[in-house]
Amino acid sequence: MVNRFDESNFDAEVLQSDLPVFVDFYADWCGPCKMMSPVIDKLAEEYEGRIKVGKVNVDECGDLAQKYGIMSIPNMIFFKNGQPVDRVVGAIPKPAMKDKFEKNI
């Protein structure tokens, strides 16, 4: 399942999570973001219970985007213990993204 994160739930859902969290910073108008969406949906299913997966719309959550230095999208950050530990910028193939998930469990 892919969660929706915004300013109202980011602290509780991401920063205070017991699980590692993958956050996809995206926009509805972004072509590469649309290309990554089915890949992220599939990985969310595969890693359910091991990695929490969610998305942040940068057009709706500009403060979060600014806080995490989002300059281009898609921009995907792995969080562990409330801290960003890994980042992927741009569209990448599913096998490469799966490797990132494995590395960040």
N, C-alpha and C. Protein backbone atom coordinates (compact mmCIF):
# COMPACT_ATOMS: atom_id res chain seq x y z
N MET A 1 0.83 -1.19 0.00
CA MET A 1 0.00 0.00 0.00
C MET A 1 0.88 1.26 0.00
N VAL A 2 0.50 2.20 -0.81
CA VAL A 2 1.23 3.47 -0.87
C VAL A 2 0.44 4.50 -0.06
N ASN A 3 1.11 5.08 0.93
CA ASN A 3 0.50 6.09 1.79
C ASN A 3 0.64 7.47 1.17
N ARG A 4 -0.17 8.38 1.62
CA ARG A 4 -0.04 9.79 1.24
C ARG A 4 0.46 10.54 2.47
N PHE A 5 1.58 11.22 2.31
CA PHE A 5 2.15 12.01 3.40
C PHE A 5 2.00 13.48 3.08
N ASP A 6 1.77 14.29 4.12
CA ASP A 6 1.74 15.74 3.99
C ASP A 6 2.20 16.33 5.32
N GLU A 7 2.09 17.64 5.44
CA GLU A 7 2.57 18.29 6.67
C GLU A 7 1.86 17.78 7.92
N SER A 8 0.60 17.36 7.78
CA SER A 8 -0.17 16.96 8.95
C SER A 8 0.23 15.58 9.50
N ASN A 9 0.78 14.71 8.67
CA ASN A 9 1.10 13.36 9.16
C ASN A 9 2.56 12.95 8.96
N PHE A 10 3.39 13.81 8.39
CA PHE A 10 4.77 13.43 8.05
C PHE A 10 5.56 13.03 9.29
N ASP A 11 5.49 13.80 10.35
CA ASP A 11 6.25 13.47 11.57
C ASP A 11 5.86 12.11 12.11
N ALA A 12 4.56 11.87 12.26
CA ALA A 12 4.08 10.62 12.84
C ALA A 12 4.35 9.43 11.93
N GLU A 13 4.09 9.58 10.64
CA GLU A 13 4.17 8.47 9.70
C GLU A 13 5.60 8.18 9.22
N VAL A 14 6.42 9.20 9.13
CA VAL A 14 7.77 9.03 8.58
C VAL A 14 8.83 9.13 9.66
N LEU A 15 8.90 10.25 10.33
CA LEU A 15 9.99 10.50 11.26
C LEU A 15 9.92 9.64 12.51
N GLN A 16 8.70 9.23 12.91
CA GLN A 16 8.55 8.42 14.12
C GLN A 16 8.25 6.95 13.82
N SER A 17 8.40 6.55 12.58
CA SER A 17 8.09 5.18 12.18
C SER A 17 9.13 4.20 12.70
N ASP A 18 8.65 3.03 13.13
CA ASP A 18 9.56 1.95 13.54
C ASP A 18 10.18 1.26 12.33
N LEU A 19 9.49 1.33 11.19
CA LEU A 19 9.98 0.74 9.95
C LEU A 19 10.77 1.77 9.15
N PRO A 20 11.69 1.32 8.29
CA PRO A 20 12.26 2.26 7.32
C PRO A 20 11.12 2.80 6.44
N VAL A 21 11.26 4.03 5.98
CA VAL A 21 10.21 4.67 5.17
C VAL A 21 10.81 5.17 3.86
N PHE A 22 10.12 4.85 2.76
CA PHE A 22 10.48 5.33 1.43
C PHE A 22 9.49 6.42 1.07
N VAL A 23 9.99 7.62 0.79
CA VAL A 23 9.11 8.75 0.45
C VAL A 23 9.42 9.21 -0.97
N ASP A 24 8.39 9.19 -1.81
CA ASP A 24 8.49 9.65 -3.19
C ASP A 24 7.95 11.08 -3.26
N PHE A 25 8.84 12.04 -3.47
CA PHE A 25 8.42 13.43 -3.68
C PHE A 25 8.13 13.57 -5.18
N TYR A 26 6.90 13.93 -5.52
CA TYR A 26 6.45 13.91 -6.92
C TYR A 26 5.50 15.08 -7.19
N ALA A 27 5.11 15.21 -8.45
CA ALA A 27 4.04 16.14 -8.85
C ALA A 27 3.20 15.44 -9.91
N ASP A 28 1.92 15.78 -9.95
CA ASP A 28 0.99 15.16 -10.91
C ASP A 28 1.38 15.42 -12.36
N TRP A 29 2.02 16.56 -12.63
CA TRP A 29 2.35 16.95 -14.00
C TRP A 29 3.69 16.37 -14.48
N CYS A 30 4.40 15.68 -13.62
CA CYS A 30 5.77 15.21 -13.90
C CYS A 30 5.75 13.87 -14.63
N GLY A 31 6.24 13.86 -15.88
CA GLY A 31 6.28 12.63 -16.67
C GLY A 31 7.09 11.51 -16.04
N PRO A 32 8.35 11.76 -15.65
CA PRO A 32 9.13 10.71 -15.01
C PRO A 32 8.49 10.20 -13.70
N CYS A 33 7.79 11.09 -12.98
CA CYS A 33 7.09 10.66 -11.76
C CYS A 33 5.99 9.66 -12.12
N LYS A 34 5.27 9.94 -13.21
CA LYS A 34 4.22 9.03 -13.66
C LYS A 34 4.81 7.69 -14.08
N MET A 35 6.00 7.71 -14.68
CA MET A 35 6.66 6.47 -15.08
C MET A 35 7.05 5.64 -13.86
N MET A 36 7.45 6.28 -12.78
CA MET A 36 7.89 5.57 -11.57
C MET A 36 6.72 5.06 -10.73
N SER A 37 5.55 5.64 -10.88
CA SER A 37 4.42 5.30 -10.03
C SER A 37 4.08 3.81 -10.00
N PRO A 38 3.96 3.13 -11.17
CA PRO A 38 3.66 1.69 -11.10
C PRO A 38 4.78 0.87 -10.47
N VAL A 39 6.02 1.30 -10.65
CA VAL A 39 7.16 0.61 -10.04
C VAL A 39 7.07 0.74 -8.52
N ILE A 40 6.79 1.94 -8.04
CA ILE A 40 6.68 2.17 -6.60
C ILE A 40 5.49 1.41 -6.02
N ASP A 41 4.37 1.39 -6.75
CA ASP A 41 3.20 0.63 -6.28
C ASP A 41 3.54 -0.84 -6.11
N LYS A 42 4.25 -1.42 -7.07
CA LYS A 42 4.62 -2.83 -7.04
C LYS A 42 5.58 -3.11 -5.88
N LEU A 43 6.57 -2.23 -5.70
CA LEU A 43 7.53 -2.42 -4.61
C LEU A 43 6.86 -2.25 -3.25
N ALA A 44 5.89 -1.36 -3.15
CA ALA A 44 5.14 -1.19 -1.90
C ALA A 44 4.46 -2.50 -1.52
N GLU A 45 3.90 -3.18 -2.51
CA GLU A 45 3.27 -4.50 -2.27
C GLU A 45 4.31 -5.52 -1.82
N GLU A 46 5.41 -5.60 -2.56
CA GLU A 46 6.44 -6.59 -2.28
C GLU A 46 7.08 -6.41 -0.90
N TYR A 47 7.21 -5.17 -0.46
CA TYR A 47 7.92 -4.89 0.79
C TYR A 47 7.00 -4.51 1.95
N GLU A 48 5.70 -4.75 1.78
CA GLU A 48 4.74 -4.43 2.84
C GLU A 48 5.15 -5.12 4.14
N GLY A 49 5.14 -4.35 5.22
CA GLY A 49 5.54 -4.88 6.52
C GLY A 49 7.03 -4.75 6.80
N ARG A 50 7.81 -4.44 5.75
CA ARG A 50 9.26 -4.27 5.93
C ARG A 50 9.71 -2.84 5.68
N ILE A 51 9.07 -2.17 4.71
CA ILE A 51 9.34 -0.77 4.40
C ILE A 51 8.00 -0.08 4.18
N LYS A 52 7.78 1.03 4.87
CA LYS A 52 6.58 1.83 4.64
C LYS A 52 6.84 2.70 3.42
N VAL A 53 5.88 2.74 2.51
CA VAL A 53 6.04 3.48 1.26
C VAL A 53 4.97 4.57 1.19
N GLY A 54 5.41 5.77 0.82
CA GLY A 54 4.45 6.87 0.69
C GLY A 54 4.92 7.92 -0.27
N LYS A 55 3.99 8.83 -0.58
CA LYS A 55 4.26 9.90 -1.54
C LYS A 55 3.93 11.26 -0.93
N VAL A 56 4.69 12.26 -1.37
CA VAL A 56 4.45 13.65 -1.00
C VAL A 56 4.33 14.45 -2.29
N ASN A 57 3.20 15.11 -2.48
CA ASN A 57 3.00 15.97 -3.64
C ASN A 57 3.70 17.30 -3.36
N VAL A 58 4.74 17.61 -4.14
CA VAL A 58 5.54 18.82 -3.87
C VAL A 58 4.76 20.10 -4.14
N ASP A 59 3.75 20.04 -5.01
CA ASP A 59 2.93 21.23 -5.27
C ASP A 59 2.05 21.56 -4.07
N GLU A 60 1.65 20.54 -3.33
CA GLU A 60 0.78 20.74 -2.17
C GLU A 60 1.57 20.88 -0.87
N CYS A 61 2.80 20.41 -0.85
CA CYS A 61 3.61 20.37 0.37
C CYS A 61 4.97 21.01 0.14
N GLY A 62 4.95 22.25 -0.28
CA GLY A 62 6.19 22.96 -0.60
C GLY A 62 7.15 23.06 0.57
N ASP A 63 6.62 23.18 1.79
CA ASP A 63 7.51 23.29 2.95
C ASP A 63 8.31 22.00 3.16
N LEU A 64 7.66 20.86 2.99
CA LEU A 64 8.38 19.58 3.13
C LEU A 64 9.41 19.44 2.03
N ALA A 65 9.04 19.80 0.81
CA ALA A 65 9.98 19.71 -0.31
C ALA A 65 11.20 20.59 -0.04
N GLN A 66 10.97 21.77 0.45
CA GLN A 66 12.08 22.69 0.74
C GLN A 66 12.94 22.14 1.89
N LYS A 67 12.30 21.62 2.92
CA LYS A 67 13.02 21.09 4.08
C LYS A 67 14.00 19.99 3.69
N TYR A 68 13.62 19.17 2.70
CA TYR A 68 14.46 18.05 2.30
C TYR A 68 15.22 18.31 1.00
N GLY A 69 15.30 19.56 0.59
CA GLY A 69 16.15 19.95 -0.53
C GLY A 69 15.73 19.38 -1.86
N ILE A 70 14.42 19.27 -2.08
CA ILE A 70 13.92 18.73 -3.33
C ILE A 70 14.02 19.80 -4.41
N MET A 71 14.96 19.61 -5.33
CA MET A 71 15.17 20.58 -6.41
C MET A 71 14.66 20.05 -7.74
N SER A 72 14.60 18.72 -7.88
CA SER A 72 14.06 18.11 -9.09
C SER A 72 13.30 16.84 -8.68
N ILE A 73 12.36 16.45 -9.51
CA ILE A 73 11.53 15.28 -9.20
C ILE A 73 11.50 14.33 -10.39
N PRO A 74 11.25 13.05 -10.19
CA PRO A 74 11.01 12.44 -8.89
C PRO A 74 12.28 12.43 -8.03
N ASN A 75 12.05 12.57 -6.74
CA ASN A 75 13.13 12.59 -5.77
C ASN A 75 12.66 11.70 -4.62
N MET A 76 13.33 10.60 -4.42
CA MET A 76 12.88 9.59 -3.48
C MET A 76 13.89 9.42 -2.37
N ILE A 77 13.41 9.49 -1.15
CA ILE A 77 14.30 9.45 0.01
C ILE A 77 13.90 8.29 0.92
N PHE A 78 14.90 7.54 1.37
CA PHE A 78 14.70 6.52 2.39
C PHE A 78 15.02 7.14 3.75
N PHE A 79 14.12 6.93 4.71
CA PHE A 79 14.31 7.41 6.08
C PHE A 79 14.43 6.20 7.00
N LYS A 80 15.37 6.30 7.95
CA LYS A 80 15.49 5.32 9.03
C LYS A 80 15.67 6.10 10.32
N ASN A 81 14.90 5.71 11.32
CA ASN A 81 14.98 6.38 12.63
C ASN A 81 14.84 7.89 12.50
N GLY A 82 13.96 8.31 11.59
CA GLY A 82 13.68 9.74 11.43
C GLY A 82 14.69 10.52 10.63
N GLN A 83 15.69 9.84 10.08
CA GLN A 83 16.75 10.53 9.34
C GLN A 83 16.80 10.05 7.90
N PRO A 84 17.02 10.98 6.94
CA PRO A 84 17.23 10.54 5.55
C PRO A 84 18.56 9.80 5.45
N VAL A 85 18.53 8.60 4.84
CA VAL A 85 19.75 7.79 4.75
C VAL A 85 20.15 7.47 3.32
N ASP A 86 19.25 7.64 2.36
CA ASP A 86 19.56 7.34 0.97
C ASP A 86 18.59 8.11 0.09
N ARG A 87 19.03 8.42 -1.13
CA ARG A 87 18.21 9.23 -2.04
C ARG A 87 18.39 8.76 -3.48
N VAL A 88 17.29 8.79 -4.22
CA VAL A 88 17.30 8.49 -5.65
C VAL A 88 16.64 9.68 -6.34
N VAL A 89 17.33 10.25 -7.33
CA VAL A 89 16.77 11.37 -8.09
C VAL A 89 16.59 10.92 -9.53
N GLY A 90 15.38 11.08 -10.05
CA GLY A 90 15.09 10.70 -11.42
C GLY A 90 14.53 9.30 -11.51
N ALA A 91 14.02 8.99 -12.68
CA ALA A 91 13.44 7.67 -12.94
C ALA A 91 14.55 6.65 -13.14
N ILE A 92 14.42 5.51 -12.46
CA ILE A 92 15.37 4.41 -12.64
C ILE A 92 14.58 3.12 -12.86
N PRO A 93 15.19 2.11 -13.47
CA PRO A 93 14.48 0.85 -13.71
C PRO A 93 14.13 0.12 -12.41
N LYS A 94 13.11 -0.72 -12.48
CA LYS A 94 12.66 -1.44 -11.29
C LYS A 94 13.78 -2.25 -10.63
N PRO A 95 14.62 -2.99 -11.37
CA PRO A 95 15.68 -3.75 -10.68
C PRO A 95 16.62 -2.86 -9.85
N ALA A 96 16.94 -1.68 -10.36
CA ALA A 96 17.81 -0.76 -9.62
C ALA A 96 17.08 -0.23 -8.38
N MET A 97 15.78 0.05 -8.52
CA MET A 97 15.01 0.53 -7.37
C MET A 97 14.86 -0.58 -6.33
N LYS A 98 14.67 -1.81 -6.80
CA LYS A 98 14.56 -2.94 -5.88
C LYS A 98 15.86 -3.10 -5.09
N ASP A 99 17.01 -2.92 -5.75
CA ASP A 99 18.30 -2.98 -5.05
C ASP A 99 18.35 -1.94 -3.94
N LYS A 100 17.82 -0.74 -4.22
CA LYS A 100 17.80 0.32 -3.19
C LYS A 100 16.92 -0.10 -2.01
N PHE A 101 15.77 -0.70 -2.30
CA PHE A 101 14.89 -1.18 -1.23
C PHE A 101 15.61 -2.23 -0.38
N GLU A 102 16.28 -3.18 -1.04
CA GLU A 102 17.00 -4.22 -0.31
C GLU A 102 18.08 -3.63 0.60
N LYS A 103 18.77 -2.65 0.08
CA LYS A 103 19.86 -2.00 0.82
C LYS A 103 19.34 -1.24 2.04
N ASN A 104 18.09 -0.75 1.96
CA ASN A 104 17.57 0.13 3.01
C ASN A 104 16.56 -0.51 3.95
N ILE A 105 16.44 -1.84 3.90
CA ILE A 105 15.53 -2.52 4.84
C ILE A 105 16.10 -2.37 6.24
